Amino acid sequence: MDIATDDAEFRSMIDRLGAEIVEEEGSAEFRRLIATDNTESLAAVLTQPQRPLWAREIASFRLGLAGDPRAFEALVLLLNHRDPERCVSAAYALTRLGDPRTARAAAALATNELRVAYALLPVRLLTDLRAPESVPALVTVLERRLGTDDPHWRVGLACVEGLGTLGDPRARPTLEAALPHPRLGQAAAESLTRLRG
């Protein structure tokens, strides 16, 4: 498998993670994980105990870009991380991994109301995947965000935009319900014009 290291998102992730590495031993491991083309070595990082998060992130990202399904579970965990930059990298790698379980996992994360503060990237990933799970999950999440005092309106906005991108007429009632919302209304109107049928 080709494990790309010239990918722009990979370079961005490496720049970010480089700041987390402080001890000399970590620096050597950091360089090794960036340079190796050995998928077995990368996969071992995901199963060995007490490996730092940055090492797991590099290994899972590289395996994801290589299409190795062993990256799936680690990437899903990172997709739901409190650090948005880790979520961005995980979503990028999951899109390229092409694992059939990805849409179901993203839908579960997006619709978990206990983790709604971290749902933005799963919502965007569902839009990118255009999977059967995408529209029902985005509709569910958007319906919960329609209160004008909801603090997670950015998640709702991502749902509105995603439903417009997907263009599925099943979204019409929920998008129409979003029209009066002060922060979602304009985007909802634009998305409604993009629906098929």
N, C-alpha and C. Protein backbone atom coordinates (compact mmCIF):
# COMPACT_ATOMS: atom_id res chain seq x y z
N MET A 1 0.84 -1.19 0.00
CA MET A 1 0.00 0.00 0.00
C MET A 1 0.87 1.24 0.00
N ASP A 2 0.39 2.24 -0.71
CA ASP A 2 1.11 3.52 -0.75
C ASP A 2 0.70 4.35 0.46
N ILE A 3 1.65 4.74 1.26
CA ILE A 3 1.36 5.57 2.44
C ILE A 3 1.89 6.96 2.15
N ALA A 4 1.00 7.82 1.69
CA ALA A 4 1.40 9.15 1.23
C ALA A 4 1.93 9.99 2.39
N THR A 5 3.06 10.66 2.15
CA THR A 5 3.57 11.61 3.12
C THR A 5 3.68 13.01 2.50
N ASP A 6 3.22 13.15 1.26
CA ASP A 6 3.26 14.45 0.61
C ASP A 6 1.88 15.10 0.58
N ASP A 7 0.92 14.50 1.29
CA ASP A 7 -0.43 15.01 1.36
C ASP A 7 -0.46 16.29 2.21
N ALA A 8 -1.19 17.33 1.76
CA ALA A 8 -1.21 18.61 2.46
C ALA A 8 -1.79 18.48 3.87
N GLU A 9 -2.84 17.69 4.04
CA GLU A 9 -3.43 17.51 5.36
C GLU A 9 -2.47 16.75 6.28
N PHE A 10 -1.71 15.82 5.72
CA PHE A 10 -0.71 15.10 6.52
C PHE A 10 0.36 16.08 7.02
N ARG A 11 0.83 16.92 6.14
CA ARG A 11 1.87 17.89 6.54
C ARG A 11 1.33 18.84 7.60
N SER A 12 0.08 19.26 7.47
CA SER A 12 -0.53 20.13 8.47
C SER A 12 -0.60 19.43 9.83
N MET A 13 -1.00 18.16 9.82
CA MET A 13 -1.08 17.40 11.05
C MET A 13 0.30 17.27 11.70
N ILE A 14 1.31 16.98 10.90
CA ILE A 14 2.67 16.81 11.42
C ILE A 14 3.18 18.11 12.03
N ASP A 15 2.91 19.23 11.40
CA ASP A 15 3.31 20.52 11.96
C ASP A 15 2.65 20.74 13.32
N ARG A 16 1.37 20.39 13.41
CA ARG A 16 0.64 20.57 14.68
C ARG A 16 1.17 19.63 15.76
N LEU A 17 1.38 18.37 15.40
CA LEU A 17 1.81 17.39 16.41
C LEU A 17 3.26 17.60 16.83
N GLY A 18 4.06 18.17 15.95
CA GLY A 18 5.46 18.40 16.29
C GLY A 18 5.61 19.25 17.54
N ALA A 19 4.64 20.12 17.77
CA ALA A 19 4.69 20.97 18.96
C ALA A 19 4.41 20.19 20.24
N GLU A 20 3.80 19.00 20.12
CA GLU A 20 3.50 18.19 21.30
C GLU A 20 4.69 17.35 21.75
N ILE A 21 5.67 17.21 20.89
CA ILE A 21 6.80 16.33 21.19
C ILE A 21 7.87 17.16 21.90
N VAL A 22 8.16 16.81 23.13
CA VAL A 22 9.14 17.59 23.88
C VAL A 22 10.39 16.78 24.23
N GLU A 23 10.22 15.51 24.55
CA GLU A 23 11.39 14.73 24.97
C GLU A 23 12.11 14.13 23.77
N GLU A 24 13.40 13.88 23.91
CA GLU A 24 14.23 13.40 22.80
C GLU A 24 13.74 12.05 22.29
N GLU A 25 13.34 11.17 23.19
CA GLU A 25 12.87 9.84 22.80
C GLU A 25 11.62 9.96 21.93
N GLY A 26 10.75 10.88 22.30
CA GLY A 26 9.55 11.11 21.49
C GLY A 26 9.89 11.64 20.12
N SER A 27 10.88 12.48 20.03
CA SER A 27 11.28 13.04 18.74
C SER A 27 11.74 11.95 17.78
N ALA A 28 12.49 10.97 18.31
CA ALA A 28 12.95 9.87 17.47
C ALA A 28 11.77 9.03 16.98
N GLU A 29 10.83 8.75 17.85
CA GLU A 29 9.64 7.98 17.47
C GLU A 29 8.80 8.76 16.47
N PHE A 30 8.69 10.04 16.68
CA PHE A 30 7.96 10.92 15.77
C PHE A 30 8.54 10.83 14.37
N ARG A 31 9.85 10.94 14.24
CA ARG A 31 10.51 10.86 12.93
C ARG A 31 10.32 9.48 12.30
N ARG A 32 10.36 8.44 13.13
CA ARG A 32 10.20 7.07 12.62
C ARG A 32 8.80 6.87 12.04
N LEU A 33 7.79 7.34 12.75
CA LEU A 33 6.42 7.15 12.29
C LEU A 33 6.13 7.94 11.02
N ILE A 34 6.78 9.06 10.87
CA ILE A 34 6.60 9.86 9.65
C ILE A 34 7.26 9.17 8.46
N ALA A 35 8.41 8.55 8.70
CA ALA A 35 9.22 8.03 7.60
C ALA A 35 8.88 6.60 7.17
N THR A 36 8.37 5.78 8.08
CA THR A 36 8.20 4.37 7.76
C THR A 36 7.11 4.13 6.72
N ASP A 37 7.34 3.13 5.87
CA ASP A 37 6.32 2.66 4.94
C ASP A 37 5.79 1.29 5.36
N ASN A 38 6.15 0.85 6.55
CA ASN A 38 5.78 -0.46 7.04
C ASN A 38 4.42 -0.40 7.73
N THR A 39 3.39 -0.94 7.09
CA THR A 39 2.05 -0.88 7.66
C THR A 39 1.94 -1.70 8.94
N GLU A 40 2.72 -2.77 9.06
CA GLU A 40 2.68 -3.58 10.28
C GLU A 40 3.22 -2.78 11.46
N SER A 41 4.26 -2.03 11.22
CA SER A 41 4.84 -1.19 12.27
C SER A 41 3.85 -0.12 12.71
N LEU A 42 3.15 0.48 11.75
CA LEU A 42 2.15 1.50 12.08
C LEU A 42 0.97 0.89 12.82
N ALA A 43 0.51 -0.27 12.37
CA ALA A 43 -0.62 -0.92 13.02
C ALA A 43 -0.28 -1.33 14.44
N ALA A 44 0.98 -1.68 14.70
CA ALA A 44 1.40 -2.08 16.05
C ALA A 44 1.22 -0.93 17.04
N VAL A 45 1.41 0.30 16.56
CA VAL A 45 1.25 1.46 17.43
C VAL A 45 -0.18 1.53 17.98
N LEU A 46 -1.14 1.07 17.19
CA LEU A 46 -2.55 1.16 17.58
C LEU A 46 -2.95 0.09 18.60
N THR A 47 -2.14 -0.93 18.75
CA THR A 47 -2.50 -2.02 19.67
C THR A 47 -1.61 -2.08 20.91
N GLN A 48 -0.48 -1.40 20.87
CA GLN A 48 0.44 -1.43 22.01
C GLN A 48 -0.07 -0.49 23.10
N PRO A 49 0.02 -0.93 24.35
CA PRO A 49 -0.45 -0.08 25.45
C PRO A 49 0.47 1.11 25.69
N GLN A 50 -0.10 2.15 26.26
CA GLN A 50 0.63 3.34 26.73
C GLN A 50 1.37 4.07 25.63
N ARG A 51 0.84 4.02 24.41
CA ARG A 51 1.43 4.84 23.35
C ARG A 51 0.78 6.22 23.41
N PRO A 52 1.56 7.29 23.20
CA PRO A 52 0.98 8.64 23.27
C PRO A 52 -0.05 8.86 22.17
N LEU A 53 -0.97 9.77 22.43
CA LEU A 53 -2.04 10.04 21.47
C LEU A 53 -1.49 10.49 20.13
N TRP A 54 -0.45 11.31 20.14
CA TRP A 54 0.09 11.79 18.88
C TRP A 54 0.60 10.64 18.02
N ALA A 55 1.18 9.61 18.65
CA ALA A 55 1.68 8.47 17.89
C ALA A 55 0.52 7.69 17.27
N ARG A 56 -0.56 7.51 18.03
CA ARG A 56 -1.74 6.83 17.50
C ARG A 56 -2.37 7.63 16.36
N GLU A 57 -2.34 8.94 16.50
CA GLU A 57 -2.92 9.78 15.44
C GLU A 57 -2.13 9.65 14.15
N ILE A 58 -0.82 9.73 14.23
CA ILE A 58 0.00 9.59 13.02
C ILE A 58 -0.21 8.22 12.38
N ALA A 59 -0.15 7.17 13.21
CA ALA A 59 -0.27 5.81 12.67
C ALA A 59 -1.63 5.59 12.02
N SER A 60 -2.70 6.01 12.68
CA SER A 60 -4.03 5.78 12.12
C SER A 60 -4.25 6.62 10.87
N PHE A 61 -3.75 7.85 10.87
CA PHE A 61 -3.90 8.71 9.70
C PHE A 61 -3.19 8.10 8.49
N ARG A 62 -1.97 7.66 8.69
CA ARG A 62 -1.21 7.10 7.57
C ARG A 62 -1.83 5.80 7.08
N LEU A 63 -2.29 4.96 8.00
CA LEU A 63 -2.97 3.74 7.59
C LEU A 63 -4.27 4.05 6.87
N GLY A 64 -4.98 5.07 7.34
CA GLY A 64 -6.22 5.47 6.68
C GLY A 64 -5.99 5.89 5.25
N LEU A 65 -4.98 6.71 5.02
CA LEU A 65 -4.67 7.14 3.66
C LEU A 65 -4.23 5.97 2.78
N ALA A 66 -3.67 4.94 3.41
CA ALA A 66 -3.25 3.75 2.67
C ALA A 66 -4.39 2.77 2.45
N GLY A 67 -5.57 3.07 3.01
CA GLY A 67 -6.71 2.18 2.84
C GLY A 67 -6.67 0.95 3.72
N ASP A 68 -5.92 1.00 4.80
CA ASP A 68 -5.79 -0.15 5.70
C ASP A 68 -6.90 -0.11 6.74
N PRO A 69 -7.79 -1.11 6.78
CA PRO A 69 -8.94 -1.08 7.69
C PRO A 69 -8.58 -1.11 9.17
N ARG A 70 -7.34 -1.43 9.50
CA ARG A 70 -6.93 -1.43 10.91
C ARG A 70 -6.94 -0.02 11.50
N ALA A 71 -7.02 0.99 10.65
CA ALA A 71 -7.05 2.38 11.13
C ALA A 71 -8.44 2.79 11.60
N PHE A 72 -9.46 2.04 11.24
CA PHE A 72 -10.84 2.50 11.41
C PHE A 72 -11.18 2.89 12.84
N GLU A 73 -10.99 2.00 13.80
CA GLU A 73 -11.43 2.28 15.17
C GLU A 73 -10.71 3.47 15.77
N ALA A 74 -9.42 3.57 15.55
CA ALA A 74 -8.67 4.71 16.10
C ALA A 74 -9.13 6.02 15.47
N LEU A 75 -9.41 6.00 14.17
CA LEU A 75 -9.86 7.22 13.50
C LEU A 75 -11.24 7.65 13.99
N VAL A 76 -12.12 6.68 14.25
CA VAL A 76 -13.45 7.02 14.76
C VAL A 76 -13.34 7.65 16.15
N LEU A 77 -12.46 7.13 16.98
CA LEU A 77 -12.25 7.73 18.30
C LEU A 77 -11.74 9.16 18.17
N LEU A 78 -10.82 9.39 17.24
CA LEU A 78 -10.28 10.73 17.03
C LEU A 78 -11.32 11.67 16.42
N LEU A 79 -12.26 11.13 15.64
CA LEU A 79 -13.32 11.95 15.06
C LEU A 79 -14.20 12.58 16.13
N ASN A 80 -14.23 11.97 17.30
CA ASN A 80 -15.07 12.44 18.41
C ASN A 80 -14.24 13.07 19.52
N HIS A 81 -13.03 13.50 19.18
CA HIS A 81 -12.12 14.08 20.18
C HIS A 81 -12.51 15.52 20.49
N ARG A 82 -12.16 15.98 21.67
CA ARG A 82 -12.49 17.36 22.06
C ARG A 82 -11.66 18.39 21.30
N ASP A 83 -10.54 17.97 20.72
CA ASP A 83 -9.68 18.88 19.94
C ASP A 83 -10.16 18.89 18.49
N PRO A 84 -10.73 20.01 18.02
CA PRO A 84 -11.27 20.05 16.66
C PRO A 84 -10.26 19.71 15.57
N GLU A 85 -9.00 20.06 15.78
CA GLU A 85 -7.99 19.78 14.75
C GLU A 85 -7.77 18.27 14.58
N ARG A 86 -7.86 17.55 15.69
CA ARG A 86 -7.75 16.08 15.59
C ARG A 86 -8.96 15.52 14.84
N CYS A 87 -10.12 16.10 15.07
CA CYS A 87 -11.34 15.66 14.37
C CYS A 87 -11.21 15.89 12.87
N VAL A 88 -10.65 17.03 12.49
CA VAL A 88 -10.49 17.35 11.07
C VAL A 88 -9.58 16.32 10.40
N SER A 89 -8.46 16.01 11.03
CA SER A 89 -7.54 15.03 10.45
C SER A 89 -8.18 13.66 10.36
N ALA A 90 -8.92 13.27 11.39
CA ALA A 90 -9.57 11.96 11.40
C ALA A 90 -10.63 11.87 10.30
N ALA A 91 -11.43 12.92 10.14
CA ALA A 91 -12.46 12.92 9.10
C ALA A 91 -11.83 12.81 7.71
N TYR A 92 -10.74 13.52 7.52
CA TYR A 92 -10.03 13.47 6.24
C TYR A 92 -9.55 12.05 5.94
N ALA A 93 -8.93 11.42 6.93
CA ALA A 93 -8.42 10.06 6.73
C ALA A 93 -9.56 9.05 6.56
N LEU A 94 -10.64 9.22 7.31
CA LEU A 94 -11.78 8.30 7.18
C LEU A 94 -12.40 8.38 5.79
N THR A 95 -12.47 9.57 5.23
CA THR A 95 -13.03 9.72 3.89
C THR A 95 -12.19 8.93 2.89
N ARG A 96 -10.89 8.95 3.06
CA ARG A 96 -9.99 8.27 2.13
C ARG A 96 -9.85 6.79 2.44
N LEU A 97 -10.14 6.39 3.66
CA LEU A 97 -10.06 4.98 4.03
C LEU A 97 -11.07 4.15 3.24
N GLY A 98 -12.27 4.69 3.07
CA GLY A 98 -13.28 3.96 2.29
C GLY A 98 -13.86 2.76 3.00
N ASP A 99 -13.85 2.75 4.31
CA ASP A 99 -14.41 1.62 5.07
C ASP A 99 -15.93 1.71 5.07
N PRO A 100 -16.64 0.63 4.78
CA PRO A 100 -18.10 0.69 4.73
C PRO A 100 -18.75 0.98 6.08
N ARG A 101 -18.01 0.85 7.17
CA ARG A 101 -18.56 1.13 8.50
C ARG A 101 -18.54 2.61 8.85
N THR A 102 -17.87 3.42 8.05
CA THR A 102 -17.64 4.82 8.40
C THR A 102 -18.94 5.62 8.55
N ALA A 103 -19.86 5.49 7.60
CA ALA A 103 -21.08 6.29 7.66
C ALA A 103 -21.91 5.94 8.89
N ARG A 104 -22.00 4.67 9.22
CA ARG A 104 -22.77 4.26 10.40
C ARG A 104 -22.14 4.83 11.67
N ALA A 105 -20.82 4.80 11.74
CA ALA A 105 -20.12 5.34 12.91
C ALA A 105 -20.30 6.85 12.99
N ALA A 106 -20.18 7.54 11.87
CA ALA A 106 -20.34 9.00 11.86
C ALA A 106 -21.77 9.38 12.25
N ALA A 107 -22.75 8.61 11.78
CA ALA A 107 -24.14 8.89 12.14
C ALA A 107 -24.36 8.70 13.63
N ALA A 108 -23.76 7.66 14.20
CA ALA A 108 -23.90 7.42 15.64
C ALA A 108 -23.29 8.56 16.45
N LEU A 109 -22.13 9.05 16.02
CA LEU A 109 -21.49 10.16 16.72
C LEU A 109 -22.29 11.45 16.56
N ALA A 110 -22.77 11.71 15.36
CA ALA A 110 -23.50 12.95 15.10
C ALA A 110 -24.80 13.02 15.89
N THR A 111 -25.47 11.90 16.05
CA THR A 111 -26.78 11.89 16.70
C THR A 111 -26.72 11.63 18.20
N ASN A 112 -25.52 11.46 18.74
CA ASN A 112 -25.37 11.26 20.19
C ASN A 112 -25.50 12.62 20.88
N GLU A 113 -26.66 12.86 21.45
CA GLU A 113 -26.93 14.18 22.04
C GLU A 113 -26.00 14.50 23.21
N LEU A 114 -25.47 13.48 23.85
CA LEU A 114 -24.53 13.71 24.96
C LEU A 114 -23.20 14.27 24.47
N ARG A 115 -22.91 14.07 23.16
CA ARG A 115 -21.65 14.52 22.59
C ARG A 115 -21.87 15.57 21.49
N VAL A 116 -23.00 16.26 21.56
CA VAL A 116 -23.35 17.19 20.49
C VAL A 116 -22.30 18.29 20.32
N ALA A 117 -21.59 18.64 21.37
CA ALA A 117 -20.56 19.67 21.26
C ALA A 117 -19.44 19.26 20.30
N TYR A 118 -19.32 17.95 20.05
CA TYR A 118 -18.27 17.43 19.17
C TYR A 118 -18.83 16.87 17.87
N ALA A 119 -20.05 17.25 17.51
CA ALA A 119 -20.74 16.64 16.37
C ALA A 119 -20.44 17.32 15.04
N LEU A 120 -19.78 18.46 15.05
CA LEU A 120 -19.59 19.22 13.81
C LEU A 120 -18.87 18.42 12.73
N LEU A 121 -17.77 17.78 13.08
CA LEU A 121 -17.01 17.05 12.07
C LEU A 121 -17.72 15.77 11.63
N PRO A 122 -18.37 15.02 12.52
CA PRO A 122 -19.17 13.89 12.03
C PRO A 122 -20.27 14.33 11.06
N VAL A 123 -20.90 15.47 11.33
CA VAL A 123 -21.93 15.98 10.42
C VAL A 123 -21.32 16.29 9.05
N ARG A 124 -20.20 16.97 9.04
CA ARG A 124 -19.55 17.30 7.77
C ARG A 124 -19.09 16.04 7.03
N LEU A 125 -18.62 15.05 7.80
CA LEU A 125 -18.19 13.80 7.19
C LEU A 125 -19.37 13.09 6.53
N LEU A 126 -20.52 13.09 7.18
CA LEU A 126 -21.71 12.47 6.60
C LEU A 126 -22.08 13.13 5.27
N THR A 127 -21.92 14.44 5.19
CA THR A 127 -22.18 15.13 3.93
C THR A 127 -21.21 14.67 2.86
N ASP A 128 -19.93 14.59 3.20
CA ASP A 128 -18.92 14.17 2.23
C ASP A 128 -19.15 12.73 1.76
N LEU A 129 -19.60 11.87 2.66
CA LEU A 129 -19.75 10.45 2.33
C LEU A 129 -20.94 10.19 1.41
N ARG A 130 -21.99 11.02 1.51
CA ARG A 130 -23.20 10.82 0.69
C ARG A 130 -23.72 9.39 0.82
N ALA A 131 -23.74 8.88 2.01
CA ALA A 131 -24.14 7.51 2.29
C ALA A 131 -25.64 7.44 2.60
N PRO A 132 -26.23 6.25 2.57
CA PRO A 132 -27.65 6.12 2.94
C PRO A 132 -27.96 6.66 4.33
N GLU A 133 -27.00 6.60 5.23
CA GLU A 133 -27.20 7.09 6.59
C GLU A 133 -27.17 8.61 6.70
N SER A 134 -26.66 9.29 5.68
CA SER A 134 -26.37 10.72 5.80
C SER A 134 -27.61 11.57 6.03
N VAL A 135 -28.59 11.50 5.15
CA VAL A 135 -29.76 12.38 5.27
C VAL A 135 -30.54 12.12 6.55
N PRO A 136 -30.88 10.86 6.88
CA PRO A 136 -31.62 10.65 8.14
C PRO A 136 -30.89 11.18 9.36
N ALA A 137 -29.57 11.01 9.42
CA ALA A 137 -28.82 11.49 10.57
C ALA A 137 -28.81 13.01 10.62
N LEU A 138 -28.58 13.67 9.49
CA LEU A 138 -28.55 15.13 9.47
C LEU A 138 -29.92 15.72 9.81
N VAL A 139 -30.98 15.10 9.34
CA VAL A 139 -32.33 15.56 9.69
C VAL A 139 -32.55 15.44 11.20
N THR A 140 -32.17 14.31 11.77
CA THR A 140 -32.33 14.09 13.21
C THR A 140 -31.59 15.16 14.01
N VAL A 141 -30.34 15.40 13.65
CA VAL A 141 -29.54 16.38 14.38
C VAL A 141 -30.13 17.78 14.22
N LEU A 142 -30.52 18.13 13.00
CA LEU A 142 -31.07 19.47 12.76
C LEU A 142 -32.35 19.69 13.55
N GLU A 143 -33.23 18.69 13.60
CA GLU A 143 -34.48 18.84 14.35
C GLU A 143 -34.22 19.19 15.81
N ARG A 144 -33.14 18.67 16.36
CA ARG A 144 -32.79 18.96 17.76
C ARG A 144 -32.16 20.34 17.95
N ARG A 145 -31.75 20.97 16.87
CA ARG A 145 -31.05 22.25 16.95
C ARG A 145 -31.95 23.43 16.63
N LEU A 146 -33.23 23.21 16.47
CA LEU A 146 -34.12 24.27 15.99
C LEU A 146 -34.55 25.26 17.06
N GLY A 147 -34.30 24.99 18.32
CA GLY A 147 -34.61 25.97 19.37
C GLY A 147 -33.72 27.19 19.22
N THR A 148 -34.29 28.37 19.33
CA THR A 148 -33.50 29.59 19.11
C THR A 148 -32.44 29.80 20.19
N ASP A 149 -32.59 29.13 21.33
CA ASP A 149 -31.60 29.27 22.39
C ASP A 149 -30.61 28.12 22.42
N ASP A 150 -30.63 27.27 21.39
CA ASP A 150 -29.72 26.12 21.36
C ASP A 150 -28.28 26.61 21.20
N PRO A 151 -27.37 26.20 22.10
CA PRO A 151 -26.00 26.71 22.01
C PRO A 151 -25.18 26.07 20.89
N HIS A 152 -25.70 25.00 20.30
CA HIS A 152 -24.94 24.27 19.28
C HIS A 152 -25.47 24.57 17.88
N TRP A 153 -25.81 25.83 17.64
CA TRP A 153 -26.39 26.20 16.36
C TRP A 153 -25.43 26.00 15.19
N ARG A 154 -24.11 26.03 15.46
CA ARG A 154 -23.16 25.79 14.36
C ARG A 154 -23.28 24.37 13.83
N VAL A 155 -23.59 23.42 14.72
CA VAL A 155 -23.85 22.05 14.28
C VAL A 155 -25.10 22.04 13.42
N GLY A 156 -26.13 22.77 13.84
CA GLY A 156 -27.35 22.87 13.05
C GLY A 156 -27.08 23.48 11.68
N LEU A 157 -26.24 24.51 11.64
CA LEU A 157 -25.91 25.15 10.37
C LEU A 157 -25.20 24.16 9.44
N ALA A 158 -24.29 23.36 9.99
CA ALA A 158 -23.61 22.34 9.18
C ALA A 158 -24.61 21.34 8.62
N CYS A 159 -25.64 21.00 9.42
CA CYS A 159 -26.69 20.10 8.93
C CYS A 159 -27.47 20.74 7.78
N VAL A 160 -27.85 21.99 7.96
CA VAL A 160 -28.59 22.71 6.92
C VAL A 160 -27.79 22.73 5.63
N GLU A 161 -26.53 23.11 5.73
CA GLU A 161 -25.68 23.19 4.53
C GLU A 161 -25.49 21.80 3.92
N GLY A 162 -25.29 20.81 4.78
CA GLY A 162 -25.11 19.45 4.29
C GLY A 162 -26.33 18.92 3.57
N LEU A 163 -27.51 19.19 4.11
CA LEU A 163 -28.74 18.73 3.47
C LEU A 163 -28.94 19.42 2.12
N GLY A 164 -28.54 20.67 2.02
CA GLY A 164 -28.58 21.34 0.72
C GLY A 164 -27.64 20.70 -0.27
N THR A 165 -26.45 20.38 0.18
CA THR A 165 -25.47 19.72 -0.68
C THR A 165 -25.97 18.36 -1.16
N LEU A 166 -26.59 17.61 -0.26
CA LEU A 166 -27.08 16.28 -0.61
C LEU A 166 -28.31 16.34 -1.51
N GLY A 167 -29.10 17.42 -1.39
CA GLY A 167 -30.21 17.64 -2.31
C GLY A 167 -31.34 16.64 -2.23
N ASP A 168 -31.52 16.00 -1.10
CA ASP A 168 -32.55 14.96 -0.95
C ASP A 168 -33.87 15.58 -0.51
N PRO A 169 -34.96 15.33 -1.24
CA PRO A 169 -36.24 15.94 -0.88
C PRO A 169 -36.78 15.53 0.48
N ARG A 170 -36.30 14.45 1.07
CA ARG A 170 -36.74 14.06 2.41
C ARG A 170 -36.39 15.13 3.45
N ALA A 171 -35.44 16.00 3.14
CA ALA A 171 -35.03 17.04 4.07
C ALA A 171 -35.96 18.24 4.07
N ARG A 172 -36.88 18.32 3.10
CA ARG A 172 -37.69 19.52 2.94
C ARG A 172 -38.43 19.94 4.22
N PRO A 173 -39.19 19.05 4.89
CA PRO A 173 -39.94 19.51 6.08
C PRO A 173 -39.05 20.09 7.17
N THR A 174 -37.89 19.48 7.40
CA THR A 174 -37.00 19.97 8.46
C THR A 174 -36.35 21.28 8.05
N LEU A 175 -35.97 21.41 6.79
CA LEU A 175 -35.41 22.68 6.33
C LEU A 175 -36.45 23.79 6.39
N GLU A 176 -37.69 23.48 6.06
CA GLU A 176 -38.75 24.48 6.16
C GLU A 176 -38.97 24.90 7.62
N ALA A 177 -38.84 23.94 8.53
CA ALA A 177 -38.98 24.26 9.96
C ALA A 177 -37.85 25.16 10.44
N ALA A 178 -36.71 25.11 9.74
CA ALA A 178 -35.55 25.93 10.12
C ALA A 178 -35.64 27.36 9.59
N LEU A 179 -36.56 27.64 8.68
CA LEU A 179 -36.63 28.96 8.05
C LEU A 179 -36.79 30.11 9.05
N PRO A 180 -37.60 29.97 10.11
CA PRO A 180 -37.74 31.09 11.05
C PRO A 180 -36.56 31.28 11.99
N HIS A 181 -35.65 30.32 12.02
CA HIS A 181 -34.54 30.39 12.97
C HIS A 181 -33.61 31.55 12.60
N PRO A 182 -33.26 32.41 13.56
CA PRO A 182 -32.47 33.60 13.23
C PRO A 182 -31.08 33.29 12.68
N ARG A 183 -30.50 32.17 13.06
CA ARG A 183 -29.15 31.85 12.58
C ARG A 183 -29.15 30.83 11.45
N LEU A 184 -30.23 30.09 11.29
CA LEU A 184 -30.27 29.01 10.31
C LEU A 184 -31.15 29.34 9.10
N GLY A 185 -32.03 30.33 9.24
CA GLY A 185 -33.04 30.59 8.24
C GLY A 185 -32.52 30.87 6.83
N GLN A 186 -31.54 31.74 6.71
CA GLN A 186 -31.03 32.08 5.38
C GLN A 186 -30.41 30.87 4.70
N ALA A 187 -29.60 30.11 5.45
CA ALA A 187 -28.98 28.91 4.89
C ALA A 187 -30.04 27.87 4.53
N ALA A 188 -31.09 27.78 5.36
CA ALA A 188 -32.17 26.83 5.07
C ALA A 188 -32.87 27.19 3.77
N ALA A 189 -33.11 28.47 3.56
CA ALA A 189 -33.74 28.91 2.31
C ALA A 189 -32.87 28.56 1.11
N GLU A 190 -31.57 28.76 1.23
CA GLU A 190 -30.66 28.42 0.14
C GLU A 190 -30.63 26.92 -0.10
N SER A 191 -30.65 26.14 0.98
CA SER A 191 -30.63 24.68 0.82
C SER A 191 -31.91 24.16 0.19
N LEU A 192 -33.03 24.78 0.52
CA LEU A 192 -34.31 24.35 -0.06
C LEU A 192 -34.31 24.49 -1.57
N THR A 193 -33.62 25.50 -2.08
CA THR A 193 -33.58 25.68 -3.54
C THR A 193 -32.77 24.59 -4.23
N ARG A 194 -32.00 23.85 -3.47
CA ARG A 194 -31.12 22.83 -4.05
C ARG A 194 -31.72 21.43 -4.00
N LEU A 195 -32.88 21.29 -3.38
CA LEU A 195 -33.49 19.97 -3.27
C LEU A 195 -34.03 19.50 -4.61
N ARG A 196 -33.92 18.22 -4.86
CA ARG A 196 -34.48 17.62 -6.07
C ARG A 196 -35.98 17.40 -5.88
N GLY A 197 -36.72 17.64 -6.93
CA GLY A 197 -38.16 17.32 -6.91
C GLY A 197 -38.99 18.23 -6.06
